[in-house]
Amino acid sequence: MASEKFKEWVRVTPRDKRQHVADTARTSVAFLGHLASGYRNASSQLAARVETAAEGELTRADVNDTCASCPYFQKCQNPESK
C-alpha cells in the first residue's frame, strides 16, 4: 500500500512531471495511479526507480510497504539511530 505522501503527490503533481517520473522509472502514469490507489503494489525495484526519478520528492518507502519497514532503509534515513 502506498503512503499518504505518495497518494497526495500523484494527486497534485502536474501530468508532465508525473510523465517524466514514470518514463524515468520505466513505468506508466496509469501504473503510478494504480499504485497510489492501492489497486497494485510496487516491487522494491520499481520503488527504488521511482525514488530516483522523483529527485528527492519521494522515497522508496512512500511507494512500497516492504521498503518502509526495512531496518536498513530506516537506518539510512536516521543514521544516528542504532
N, C-alpha and C. Protein backbone atom coordinates (compact mmCIF):
# COMPACT_ATOMS: atom_id res chain seq x y z
N MET A 1 0.85 -1.18 0.00
CA MET A 1 0.00 0.00 0.00
C MET A 1 0.89 1.23 0.00
N ALA A 2 0.55 2.17 -0.79
CA ALA A 2 1.31 3.42 -0.91
C ALA A 2 1.02 4.34 0.27
N SER A 3 1.98 5.18 0.59
CA SER A 3 1.81 6.13 1.69
C SER A 3 0.87 7.26 1.28
N GLU A 4 0.39 7.97 2.28
CA GLU A 4 -0.44 9.14 2.02
C GLU A 4 0.36 10.20 1.25
N LYS A 5 1.65 10.29 1.54
CA LYS A 5 2.50 11.24 0.83
C LYS A 5 2.51 10.93 -0.67
N PHE A 6 2.65 9.66 -1.03
CA PHE A 6 2.67 9.27 -2.45
C PHE A 6 1.31 9.52 -3.08
N LYS A 7 0.24 9.19 -2.38
CA LYS A 7 -1.11 9.43 -2.91
C LYS A 7 -1.31 10.92 -3.20
N GLU A 8 -0.88 11.75 -2.27
CA GLU A 8 -1.01 13.21 -2.45
C GLU A 8 -0.13 13.68 -3.61
N TRP A 9 1.08 13.13 -3.70
CA TRP A 9 1.99 13.50 -4.79
C TRP A 9 1.35 13.20 -6.15
N VAL A 10 0.77 12.02 -6.28
CA VAL A 10 0.12 11.66 -7.55
C VAL A 10 -1.06 12.59 -7.82
N ARG A 11 -1.78 12.95 -6.78
CA ARG A 11 -2.96 13.80 -6.95
C ARG A 11 -2.61 15.22 -7.37
N VAL A 12 -1.55 15.80 -6.80
CA VAL A 12 -1.28 17.23 -7.04
C VAL A 12 -0.16 17.51 -8.06
N THR A 13 0.62 16.53 -8.39
CA THR A 13 1.74 16.75 -9.31
C THR A 13 1.22 16.89 -10.74
N PRO A 14 1.71 17.90 -11.44
CA PRO A 14 1.28 18.09 -12.83
C PRO A 14 1.59 16.87 -13.71
N ARG A 15 0.75 16.66 -14.70
CA ARG A 15 0.87 15.49 -15.58
C ARG A 15 2.26 15.37 -16.19
N ASP A 16 2.85 16.47 -16.62
CA ASP A 16 4.17 16.38 -17.28
C ASP A 16 5.24 15.90 -16.31
N LYS A 17 5.17 16.29 -15.04
CA LYS A 17 6.12 15.81 -14.03
C LYS A 17 5.88 14.33 -13.75
N ARG A 18 4.61 13.94 -13.62
CA ARG A 18 4.31 12.51 -13.41
C ARG A 18 4.79 11.69 -14.60
N GLN A 19 4.62 12.24 -15.81
CA GLN A 19 5.08 11.54 -17.01
C GLN A 19 6.60 11.37 -17.00
N HIS A 20 7.30 12.42 -16.60
CA HIS A 20 8.76 12.35 -16.52
C HIS A 20 9.19 11.27 -15.52
N VAL A 21 8.58 11.26 -14.34
CA VAL A 21 8.92 10.26 -13.32
C VAL A 21 8.59 8.86 -13.84
N ALA A 22 7.44 8.70 -14.45
CA ALA A 22 7.05 7.39 -14.97
C ALA A 22 8.03 6.92 -16.05
N ASP A 23 8.37 7.79 -16.98
CA ASP A 23 9.30 7.43 -18.05
C ASP A 23 10.66 7.05 -17.48
N THR A 24 11.16 7.87 -16.56
CA THR A 24 12.47 7.62 -15.97
C THR A 24 12.48 6.33 -15.15
N ALA A 25 11.36 6.04 -14.49
CA ALA A 25 11.26 4.82 -13.67
C ALA A 25 10.84 3.59 -14.50
N ARG A 26 10.68 3.80 -15.80
CA ARG A 26 10.30 2.72 -16.72
C ARG A 26 8.94 2.10 -16.35
N THR A 27 7.97 2.98 -16.15
CA THR A 27 6.59 2.55 -15.90
C THR A 27 5.68 3.55 -16.60
N SER A 28 4.40 3.57 -16.26
CA SER A 28 3.46 4.50 -16.88
C SER A 28 2.79 5.35 -15.81
N VAL A 29 2.23 6.47 -16.26
CA VAL A 29 1.48 7.33 -15.36
C VAL A 29 0.28 6.57 -14.81
N ALA A 30 -0.35 5.79 -15.65
CA ALA A 30 -1.51 4.99 -15.20
C ALA A 30 -1.10 4.03 -14.09
N PHE A 31 0.06 3.41 -14.23
CA PHE A 31 0.51 2.47 -13.19
C PHE A 31 0.82 3.21 -11.90
N LEU A 32 1.38 4.42 -11.98
CA LEU A 32 1.59 5.21 -10.77
C LEU A 32 0.25 5.46 -10.08
N GLY A 33 -0.78 5.74 -10.87
CA GLY A 33 -2.12 5.92 -10.31
C GLY A 33 -2.64 4.65 -9.65
N HIS A 34 -2.37 3.51 -10.27
CA HIS A 34 -2.78 2.22 -9.69
C HIS A 34 -2.07 2.00 -8.35
N LEU A 35 -0.79 2.35 -8.30
CA LEU A 35 -0.05 2.20 -7.05
C LEU A 35 -0.62 3.10 -5.96
N ALA A 36 -0.91 4.34 -6.33
CA ALA A 36 -1.44 5.30 -5.36
C ALA A 36 -2.81 4.89 -4.84
N SER A 37 -3.61 4.29 -5.71
CA SER A 37 -4.96 3.88 -5.30
C SER A 37 -4.98 2.57 -4.53
N GLY A 38 -3.86 1.86 -4.53
CA GLY A 38 -3.82 0.56 -3.85
C GLY A 38 -4.27 -0.59 -4.72
N TYR A 39 -4.59 -0.30 -5.98
CA TYR A 39 -5.03 -1.34 -6.92
C TYR A 39 -3.89 -2.30 -7.23
N ARG A 40 -2.68 -1.78 -7.26
CA ARG A 40 -1.47 -2.56 -7.49
C ARG A 40 -0.44 -2.23 -6.42
N ASN A 41 0.55 -3.10 -6.29
CA ASN A 41 1.65 -2.88 -5.36
C ASN A 41 2.95 -2.80 -6.14
N ALA A 42 3.83 -1.92 -5.72
CA ALA A 42 5.12 -1.75 -6.38
C ALA A 42 6.13 -2.75 -5.84
N SER A 43 6.96 -3.26 -6.73
CA SER A 43 8.10 -4.06 -6.29
C SER A 43 9.11 -3.13 -5.64
N SER A 44 10.03 -3.69 -4.90
CA SER A 44 11.07 -2.86 -4.30
C SER A 44 11.94 -2.23 -5.39
N GLN A 45 12.13 -2.93 -6.50
CA GLN A 45 12.93 -2.38 -7.60
C GLN A 45 12.23 -1.17 -8.22
N LEU A 46 10.93 -1.26 -8.45
CA LEU A 46 10.18 -0.14 -9.00
C LEU A 46 10.18 1.03 -8.02
N ALA A 47 10.00 0.73 -6.74
CA ALA A 47 10.01 1.79 -5.72
C ALA A 47 11.34 2.53 -5.73
N ALA A 48 12.43 1.82 -5.90
CA ALA A 48 13.75 2.45 -5.97
C ALA A 48 13.87 3.32 -7.22
N ARG A 49 13.35 2.85 -8.34
CA ARG A 49 13.40 3.65 -9.57
C ARG A 49 12.55 4.91 -9.45
N VAL A 50 11.38 4.80 -8.81
CA VAL A 50 10.53 5.98 -8.61
C VAL A 50 11.23 6.96 -7.68
N GLU A 51 11.85 6.47 -6.62
CA GLU A 51 12.60 7.35 -5.71
C GLU A 51 13.66 8.14 -6.48
N THR A 52 14.42 7.47 -7.32
CA THR A 52 15.46 8.13 -8.10
C THR A 52 14.85 9.13 -9.08
N ALA A 53 13.80 8.71 -9.77
CA ALA A 53 13.16 9.56 -10.78
C ALA A 53 12.51 10.79 -10.16
N ALA A 54 12.00 10.68 -8.95
CA ALA A 54 11.31 11.79 -8.30
C ALA A 54 12.27 12.84 -7.74
N GLU A 55 13.55 12.56 -7.80
CA GLU A 55 14.58 13.54 -7.44
C GLU A 55 14.35 14.19 -6.08
N GLY A 56 14.15 13.37 -5.06
CA GLY A 56 14.03 13.87 -3.70
C GLY A 56 12.61 14.16 -3.24
N GLU A 57 11.64 14.11 -4.13
CA GLU A 57 10.26 14.38 -3.72
C GLU A 57 9.62 13.18 -3.02
N LEU A 58 10.10 11.98 -3.32
CA LEU A 58 9.56 10.75 -2.75
C LEU A 58 10.71 9.84 -2.34
N THR A 59 10.41 8.94 -1.43
CA THR A 59 11.36 7.87 -1.12
C THR A 59 10.74 6.55 -1.52
N ARG A 60 11.56 5.53 -1.58
CA ARG A 60 11.04 4.19 -1.92
C ARG A 60 10.01 3.73 -0.88
N ALA A 61 10.17 4.19 0.35
CA ALA A 61 9.23 3.82 1.41
C ALA A 61 7.84 4.43 1.19
N ASP A 62 7.77 5.52 0.45
CA ASP A 62 6.48 6.12 0.12
C ASP A 62 5.70 5.27 -0.87
N VAL A 63 6.41 4.45 -1.62
CA VAL A 63 5.81 3.69 -2.70
C VAL A 63 5.62 2.21 -2.34
N ASN A 64 6.43 1.69 -1.41
CA ASN A 64 6.44 0.25 -1.11
C ASN A 64 6.49 0.02 0.39
N ASP A 65 5.53 -0.73 0.92
CA ASP A 65 5.46 -1.02 2.35
C ASP A 65 6.66 -1.80 2.85
N THR A 66 7.15 -2.74 2.06
CA THR A 66 8.29 -3.54 2.48
C THR A 66 9.51 -2.65 2.67
N CYS A 67 9.71 -1.73 1.76
CA CYS A 67 10.83 -0.79 1.91
C CYS A 67 10.64 0.07 3.16
N ALA A 68 9.40 0.46 3.42
CA ALA A 68 9.12 1.30 4.59
C ALA A 68 9.46 0.58 5.89
N SER A 69 9.29 -0.73 5.92
CA SER A 69 9.55 -1.48 7.15
C SER A 69 10.96 -2.05 7.21
N CYS A 70 11.76 -1.84 6.19
CA CYS A 70 13.12 -2.39 6.13
C CYS A 70 14.03 -1.68 7.14
N PRO A 71 14.66 -2.43 8.02
CA PRO A 71 15.54 -1.79 9.02
C PRO A 71 16.74 -1.09 8.38
N TYR A 72 17.21 -1.59 7.26
CA TYR A 72 18.34 -0.95 6.58
C TYR A 72 17.93 0.40 6.00
N PHE A 73 16.73 0.47 5.42
CA PHE A 73 16.24 1.75 4.91
C PHE A 73 16.04 2.72 6.07
N GLN A 74 15.44 2.25 7.15
CA GLN A 74 15.21 3.11 8.31
C GLN A 74 16.52 3.65 8.87
N LYS A 75 17.56 2.81 8.89
CA LYS A 75 18.86 3.25 9.39
C LYS A 75 19.45 4.30 8.45
N CYS A 76 19.28 4.13 7.13
CA CYS A 76 19.78 5.13 6.18
C CYS A 76 19.06 6.46 6.37
N GLN A 77 17.78 6.41 6.67
CA GLN A 77 17.00 7.63 6.87
C GLN A 77 17.35 8.33 8.19
N ASN A 78 17.73 7.53 9.18
CA ASN A 78 18.06 8.04 10.53
C ASN A 78 19.42 7.49 10.95
N PRO A 79 20.51 8.00 10.40
CA PRO A 79 21.83 7.43 10.67
C PRO A 79 22.26 7.49 12.14
N GLU A 80 21.66 8.37 12.94
CA GLU A 80 22.02 8.47 14.34
C GLU A 80 21.46 7.31 15.16
N SER A 81 20.34 6.71 14.69
CA SER A 81 19.73 5.61 15.43
C SER A 81 20.53 4.34 15.21
N LYS A 82 20.52 3.49 16.21
CA LYS A 82 21.29 2.23 16.11
C LYS A 82 20.39 1.07 15.87
